[in-house]
């Protein structure tokens, strides 16, 4: 189903987004989007369980979406959700990188196999049940799932075949996992193990994690453990009470143990380290403290993302925790906290949403 939005030619003339020409994201159901986030561009262009990625990226709906970029209508993009549009990160016609010169042609844009980045969900497995994300722990350690090992292996083989079987010298980064915890996912770990690295000589691994199992399970990355370029760790809070409330199922002491282990490893291995907070009512007063906490563990960047409604909370509960909503009774206080923090102009602190 195609989801469309108002025509934006009046406001986005001569501005280009390069995401649909170089990025895909794949959700936990195998749906493929030619954008880094399906909330920004919610029209799927295919399913990785049904077709190889090369076929999907050349189909008619992929081309229609790219055409909406080059004619500047952006009708498939939700400008209220998209951080690229909201943060004025679109490229002007006169400043396009050389490899995208062809986009200046107003005719039908031809896709030129520029896939550089894959955001891969693949699995919802996680040992935590953070209130902002899910209502229960999702894991593969019960008897029913052990009995379904053959089914899981078939999923892995299909992912590897349709996503990683053809050579791509331009692919720079795979981001895992956008919906679960990579170090608890047998599916994702097996996909990494079976992917032929010879097909991706430039490709690095970007890990999104809660960080609690890094020390114990880093070796499970097998052939990729020396190709990790970035670790993006979501902590949400820097004090024990708030952390264990917002990262339900996590132990603060375990977080600190892993942060202590990683702060040296990231230096010796040259890994970019991002520490992230999902901003909500219970941590809005920790912006400054969280920044100092992250930097004390050698974070290169500190990210703050407004909480997103993933449909796991009741509307009433989400309204209660979404403190950056103009409708929230603490909105003025929250906005002032953000304003004061941003006024310090820290280039390594970034806000989204």
Protein backbone atom coordinates (compact mmCIF):
# COMPACT_ATOMS: atom_id res chain seq x y z
CA UNK A 1 0.00 0.00 0.00
CA UNK A 2 1.37 3.41 -1.02
CA UNK A 3 1.18 6.14 1.62
CA UNK A 4 1.29 9.67 0.22
CA UNK A 5 1.54 13.16 1.70
CA UNK A 6 0.98 16.73 0.41
CA UNK A 7 3.07 17.96 -2.51
CA UNK A 8 6.08 19.91 -1.22
CA UNK A 9 7.38 21.57 -4.41
CA UNK A 10 6.60 25.00 -3.04
CA UNK A 11 8.96 24.56 -0.07
CA UNK A 12 11.52 21.97 -1.22
CA UNK A 13 12.31 23.19 -4.73
CA UNK A 14 15.87 22.29 -5.85
CA UNK A 15 16.45 20.29 -2.64
CA UNK A 16 17.41 16.61 -2.82
CA UNK A 17 17.33 13.76 -0.35
CA UNK A 18 19.88 11.08 -1.24
CA UNK A 19 18.43 8.37 1.00
CA UNK A 20 16.25 6.66 -1.66
CA UNK A 21 19.31 6.42 -3.91
CA UNK A 22 21.72 4.88 -1.43
CA UNK A 23 19.88 3.51 1.63
CA UNK A 24 17.41 0.74 2.46
CA UNK A 25 15.81 -0.31 5.72
CA UNK A 26 14.30 -3.74 6.32
CA UNK A 27 11.80 -4.26 9.11
CA UNK A 28 11.17 -7.34 11.22
CA UNK A 29 8.69 -8.67 8.64
CA UNK A 30 11.12 -8.33 5.74
CA UNK A 31 9.47 -5.24 4.26
CA UNK A 32 11.96 -3.04 2.40
CA UNK A 33 11.93 0.78 2.47
CA UNK A 34 14.29 3.00 0.49
CA UNK A 35 14.93 5.26 3.45
CA UNK A 36 16.73 5.01 6.76
CA UNK A 37 13.44 5.03 8.68
CA UNK A 38 10.04 3.73 7.62
CA UNK A 39 8.34 6.37 9.76
CA UNK A 40 9.81 9.02 7.45
CA UNK A 41 8.92 7.26 4.19
CA UNK A 42 6.28 4.64 5.08
CA UNK A 43 5.71 3.03 1.64
CA UNK A 44 7.37 -0.41 1.33
CA UNK A 45 8.94 -1.19 -2.05
CA UNK A 46 9.13 -4.97 -1.65
CA UNK A 47 9.88 -7.81 0.74
CA UNK A 48 13.29 -9.39 1.21
CA UNK A 49 11.63 -12.75 1.93
CA UNK A 50 10.22 -12.79 -1.60
CA UNK A 51 12.81 -11.18 -3.89
CA UNK A 52 16.52 -10.31 -3.99
CA UNK A 53 17.41 -6.77 -2.99
CA UNK A 54 18.71 -5.93 -6.49
CA UNK A 55 15.31 -6.72 -8.01
CA UNK A 56 13.45 -4.69 -5.39
CA UNK A 57 15.60 -1.60 -5.84
CA UNK A 58 14.88 -1.49 -9.58
CA UNK A 59 11.10 -2.01 -9.45
CA UNK A 60 8.40 0.50 -10.37
CA UNK A 61 7.49 1.74 -6.89
CA UNK A 62 11.16 2.34 -6.03
CA UNK A 63 11.48 4.43 -9.19
CA UNK A 64 8.28 6.36 -8.42
CA UNK A 65 9.61 7.30 -5.00
CA UNK A 66 12.92 8.45 -6.46
CA UNK A 67 11.03 10.48 -9.07
CA UNK A 68 9.21 12.26 -6.21
CA UNK A 69 12.63 13.39 -4.97
CA UNK A 70 13.90 14.69 -8.30
CA UNK A 71 10.65 16.54 -9.05
CA UNK A 72 10.73 17.82 -5.43
CA UNK A 73 7.14 16.84 -4.67
CA UNK A 74 8.24 14.45 -1.87
CA UNK A 75 4.74 13.02 -1.81
CA UNK A 76 5.91 9.77 -0.21
CA UNK A 77 7.73 11.54 2.64
CA UNK A 78 6.28 12.60 5.99
CA UNK A 79 8.02 15.92 6.57
CA UNK A 80 6.74 16.12 10.16
CA UNK A 81 8.57 12.89 11.05
CA UNK A 82 11.63 13.08 8.81
CA UNK A 83 14.72 14.30 10.66
CA UNK A 84 16.46 15.08 7.37
CA UNK A 85 13.76 17.55 6.34
CA UNK A 86 13.22 18.86 9.87
CA UNK A 87 16.95 19.50 10.39
CA UNK A 88 17.45 21.12 6.96
CA UNK A 89 19.83 18.37 5.81
CA UNK A 90 18.58 18.13 2.20
CA UNK A 91 21.19 18.78 -0.50
CA UNK A 92 20.78 21.80 -2.76
CA UNK A 93 20.98 21.18 -6.50
CA UNK A 94 24.27 23.09 -6.66
CA UNK A 95 25.88 21.05 -3.88
CA UNK A 96 25.12 17.49 -4.93
CA UNK A 97 28.08 15.08 -4.64
CA UNK A 98 29.66 14.28 -7.99
CA UNK A 99 28.32 10.73 -8.01
CA UNK A 100 24.77 12.13 -7.94
CA UNK A 101 25.18 14.67 -10.74
CA UNK A 102 22.66 12.69 -12.79
CA UNK A 103 19.88 13.65 -10.36
CA UNK A 104 19.86 17.16 -11.79
CA UNK A 105 18.20 15.71 -14.87
CA UNK A 106 14.49 16.32 -14.38
CA UNK A 107 13.53 13.26 -16.43
CA UNK A 108 12.97 9.82 -14.90
CA UNK A 109 15.99 9.17 -12.63
CA UNK A 110 17.84 5.98 -13.41
CA UNK A 111 18.93 3.99 -10.39
CA UNK A 112 22.68 3.47 -10.53
CA UNK A 113 23.30 0.76 -7.91
CA UNK A 114 24.56 3.21 -5.30
CA UNK A 115 23.42 1.18 -2.27
CA UNK A 116 25.70 2.23 0.57
CA UNK A 117 23.79 1.58 3.76
CA UNK A 118 21.38 -1.10 5.01
CA UNK A 119 19.33 -0.71 8.19
CA UNK A 120 18.38 -4.24 9.16
CA UNK A 121 15.81 -5.18 11.80
CA UNK A 122 15.16 -8.82 11.01
CA UNK A 123 14.18 -9.79 14.54
CA UNK A 124 12.38 -8.37 17.61
CA UNK A 125 14.33 -10.46 20.13
CA UNK A 126 15.50 -8.51 23.20
CA UNK A 127 16.10 -9.32 26.87
CA UNK A 128 14.56 -6.00 27.94
CA UNK A 129 10.98 -4.76 27.72
CA UNK A 130 11.49 -0.99 27.78
CA UNK A 131 8.11 0.78 28.14
CA UNK A 132 8.88 3.01 25.14
CA UNK A 133 9.35 -0.02 22.87
CA UNK A 134 7.41 -3.14 23.93
CA UNK A 135 5.17 -4.66 26.55
CA UNK A 136 7.08 -7.90 27.17
CA UNK A 137 10.44 -9.59 26.73
CA UNK A 138 10.83 -11.31 23.36
CA UNK A 139 13.33 -14.15 23.24
CA UNK A 140 14.17 -17.49 21.66
CA UNK A 141 15.00 -19.58 24.69
CA UNK A 142 11.77 -21.51 25.25
CA UNK A 143 11.11 -25.06 24.14
CA UNK A 144 8.79 -24.10 21.29
CA UNK A 145 11.45 -21.95 19.68
CA UNK A 146 14.12 -24.60 20.13
CA UNK A 147 11.83 -26.96 18.26
CA UNK A 148 11.59 -24.36 15.49
CA UNK A 149 15.35 -24.24 14.86
CA UNK A 150 14.87 -25.50 11.30
CA UNK A 151 12.38 -22.70 10.63
CA UNK A 152 14.80 -20.13 12.04
CA UNK A 153 17.65 -21.49 9.95
CA UNK A 154 15.46 -21.23 6.85
CA UNK A 155 14.83 -17.55 7.64
CA UNK A 156 18.56 -16.95 8.00
CA UNK A 157 19.32 -18.69 4.70
CA UNK A 158 16.69 -16.60 2.93
CA UNK A 159 18.05 -13.35 4.33
CA UNK A 160 21.57 -14.25 3.29
CA UNK A 161 20.47 -15.32 -0.20
CA UNK A 162 18.30 -12.29 -0.98
CA UNK A 163 20.33 -9.63 0.78
CA UNK A 164 23.96 -10.68 0.79
CA UNK A 165 24.57 -13.07 -2.10
CA UNK A 166 25.52 -10.54 -4.80
CA UNK A 167 28.71 -8.50 -4.72
CA UNK A 168 28.54 -4.81 -3.81
CA UNK A 169 31.79 -2.86 -3.78
CA UNK A 170 29.98 0.34 -2.70
CA UNK A 171 28.20 -0.97 0.39
CA UNK A 172 29.72 0.90 3.33
CA UNK A 173 27.61 0.02 6.34
CA UNK A 174 25.08 -2.44 7.77
CA UNK A 175 23.16 -1.18 10.80
CA UNK A 176 21.84 -3.90 13.17
CA UNK A 177 19.38 -4.13 14.84
CA UNK A 178 16.77 -1.44 14.51
CA UNK A 179 14.03 -3.36 16.39
CA UNK A 180 15.72 -5.75 18.82
CA UNK A 181 18.98 -6.59 20.56
CA UNK A 182 21.64 -8.01 18.26
CA UNK A 183 23.44 -9.90 21.04
CA UNK A 184 20.30 -11.90 21.95
CA UNK A 185 19.21 -12.64 18.37
CA UNK A 186 20.24 -16.02 16.97
CA UNK A 187 18.79 -14.94 13.61
CA UNK A 188 20.93 -11.80 13.31
CA UNK A 189 24.09 -13.41 14.66
CA UNK A 190 23.70 -16.31 12.24
CA UNK A 191 23.09 -13.94 9.32
CA UNK A 192 26.36 -12.18 10.12
CA UNK A 193 28.17 -15.48 10.40
CA UNK A 194 26.90 -16.77 7.03
CA UNK A 195 27.30 -13.57 4.99
CA UNK A 196 30.27 -13.76 2.62
CA UNK A 197 32.49 -10.79 3.46
CA UNK A 198 34.30 -11.16 0.14
CA UNK A 199 31.17 -9.71 -1.48
CA UNK A 200 31.48 -6.51 0.60
CA UNK A 201 35.11 -5.43 0.80
CA UNK A 202 34.27 -1.92 2.13
CA UNK A 203 31.37 -2.79 4.42
CA UNK A 204 31.47 -2.05 8.16
CA UNK A 205 29.04 -3.04 10.92
CA UNK A 206 27.10 -0.43 12.90
CA UNK A 207 25.60 -1.95 16.06
CA UNK A 208 22.54 -0.61 17.85
CA UNK A 209 22.41 -2.17 21.31
CA UNK A 210 21.34 -1.81 24.92
CA UNK A 211 24.95 -2.65 25.75
CA UNK A 212 24.31 -5.16 28.52
CA UNK A 213 25.78 -8.17 26.69
CA UNK A 214 28.64 -6.59 24.74
CA UNK A 215 31.42 -7.83 27.01
CA UNK A 216 30.17 -11.41 27.16
CA UNK A 217 29.04 -11.87 23.57
CA UNK A 218 31.27 -9.69 21.40
CA UNK A 219 32.89 -12.87 20.09
CA UNK A 220 29.51 -13.91 18.61
CA UNK A 221 30.03 -11.27 15.92
CA UNK A 222 32.55 -13.79 14.51
CA UNK A 223 34.00 -12.52 11.22
CA UNK A 224 32.49 -9.05 11.72
CA UNK A 225 34.00 -8.28 15.13
CA UNK A 226 36.96 -6.54 13.49
CA UNK A 227 34.70 -4.63 11.11
CA UNK A 228 32.62 -2.79 13.71
CA UNK A 229 32.68 0.93 12.89
CA UNK A 230 30.03 2.26 15.29
CA UNK A 231 28.29 1.21 18.49
CA UNK A 232 25.08 3.12 19.22
CA UNK A 233 24.07 2.33 22.80
CA UNK A 234 20.68 3.39 24.17
CA UNK A 235 20.70 3.96 27.92
CA UNK A 236 17.93 6.58 28.46
CA UNK A 237 19.17 7.58 31.92
CA UNK A 238 22.35 7.85 33.95
CA UNK A 239 21.11 7.12 37.47
CA UNK A 240 20.16 3.70 38.77
CA UNK A 241 16.51 4.40 39.61
CA UNK A 242 15.62 6.11 36.34
CA UNK A 243 17.68 3.69 34.25
CA UNK A 244 16.02 0.57 35.67
CA UNK A 245 12.59 2.16 35.33
CA UNK A 246 13.06 3.18 31.69
CA UNK A 247 15.17 0.17 30.61
CA UNK A 248 12.85 -2.42 32.14
CA UNK A 249 14.71 -5.64 32.93
CA UNK A 250 18.14 -4.02 32.83
CA UNK A 251 20.53 -3.76 35.78
CA UNK A 252 22.39 -0.50 36.19
CA UNK A 253 25.47 -2.25 37.56
CA UNK A 254 25.61 -4.45 34.44
CA UNK A 255 25.43 -1.35 32.24
CA UNK A 256 28.35 0.25 34.08
CA UNK A 257 30.38 -2.96 33.81
CA UNK A 258 29.92 -3.02 30.04
CA UNK A 259 30.61 0.70 29.65
CA UNK A 260 33.86 0.30 31.60
CA UNK A 261 34.87 -2.58 29.32
CA UNK A 262 33.97 -0.76 26.13
CA UNK A 263 35.47 2.65 26.84
CA UNK A 264 38.94 1.21 26.28
CA UNK A 265 37.99 -1.20 23.50
CA UNK A 266 36.46 1.59 21.41
CA UNK A 267 39.80 3.40 21.52
CA UNK A 268 42.00 0.41 20.67
CA UNK A 269 39.65 -0.77 17.89
CA UNK A 270 38.87 2.72 16.52
CA UNK A 271 35.11 2.39 17.02
CA UNK A 272 32.80 5.43 16.92
CA UNK A 273 30.71 5.41 20.11
CA UNK A 274 27.25 6.98 20.39
CA UNK A 275 25.23 7.00 23.61
CA UNK A 276 21.53 7.75 23.21
CA UNK A 277 18.63 8.92 25.34
CA UNK A 278 14.99 8.52 24.35
CA UNK A 279 13.67 11.78 25.81
CA UNK A 280 10.51 11.47 27.89
CA UNK A 281 8.93 12.77 31.08
CA UNK A 282 11.07 10.76 33.49
CA UNK A 283 14.45 11.84 32.09
CA UNK A 284 13.88 15.37 30.79
CA UNK A 285 15.79 16.81 33.76
CA UNK A 286 18.84 14.63 33.05
CA UNK A 287 19.93 16.12 29.71
CA UNK A 288 23.09 17.73 31.09
CA UNK A 289 23.88 14.93 33.52
CA UNK A 290 23.38 12.30 30.81
CA UNK A 291 25.79 14.13 28.51
CA UNK A 292 28.51 14.19 31.17
CA UNK A 293 27.83 10.52 31.96
CA UNK A 294 28.19 9.48 28.31
CA UNK A 295 31.36 11.51 27.80
CA UNK A 296 32.93 9.93 30.90
CA UNK A 297 32.81 6.62 29.00
CA UNK A 298 34.47 8.06 25.90
CA UNK A 299 31.28 8.65 23.89
CA UNK A 300 32.05 10.43 20.63
CA UNK A 301 28.46 11.64 20.25
CA UNK A 302 25.45 11.93 22.54
CA UNK A 303 22.05 11.65 20.88
CA UNK A 304 18.69 12.76 22.22
CA UNK A 305 15.57 11.46 20.45
CA UNK A 306 12.02 12.43 21.33
CA UNK A 307 10.01 9.37 22.30
CA UNK A 308 8.08 7.85 19.38
CA UNK A 309 4.66 6.24 19.55
CA UNK A 310 5.21 2.63 18.42
CA UNK A 311 1.69 1.62 19.44
CA UNK A 312 2.77 -0.22 22.60
CA UNK A 313 1.35 2.35 25.02
CA UNK A 314 -2.21 3.46 25.44
CA UNK A 315 -2.83 6.91 23.91
CA UNK A 316 -3.25 8.27 27.42
CA UNK A 317 0.07 6.85 28.65
CA UNK A 318 1.95 8.05 25.60
CA UNK A 319 0.52 11.55 26.03
CA UNK A 320 1.68 11.44 29.66
CA UNK A 321 5.31 10.52 28.84
CA UNK A 322 5.72 12.58 25.62
CA UNK A 323 6.91 15.65 27.49
CA UNK A 324 8.07 17.39 24.28
CA UNK A 325 4.54 17.50 22.94
CA UNK A 326 3.14 21.08 22.93
CA UNK A 327 0.03 19.59 24.54
CA UNK A 328 1.92 18.27 27.59
CA UNK A 329 1.45 20.23 30.83
CA UNK A 330 5.23 20.26 31.35
CA UNK A 331 6.04 21.28 27.78
CA UNK A 332 7.28 24.76 28.73
CA UNK A 333 9.61 23.30 31.35
CA UNK A 334 10.84 20.60 28.96
CA UNK A 335 11.42 23.11 26.17
CA UNK A 336 13.44 25.30 28.53
CA UNK A 337 15.58 22.32 29.53
CA UNK A 338 16.30 21.60 25.86
CA UNK A 339 16.91 25.29 25.10
CA UNK A 340 19.42 25.66 27.93
CA UNK A 341 21.25 22.53 26.89
CA UNK A 342 21.38 23.49 23.20
CA UNK A 343 22.62 26.97 24.12
CA UNK A 344 25.96 25.42 25.06
CA UNK A 345 26.45 24.55 21.37
CA UNK A 346 28.03 21.16 21.88
CA UNK A 347 28.73 19.86 18.38
CA UNK A 348 28.79 16.25 19.59
CA UNK A 349 25.24 16.45 21.04
CA UNK A 350 22.42 15.90 18.54
CA UNK A 351 18.64 16.11 18.88
CA UNK A 352 16.11 14.19 16.78
CA UNK A 353 12.36 14.46 16.64
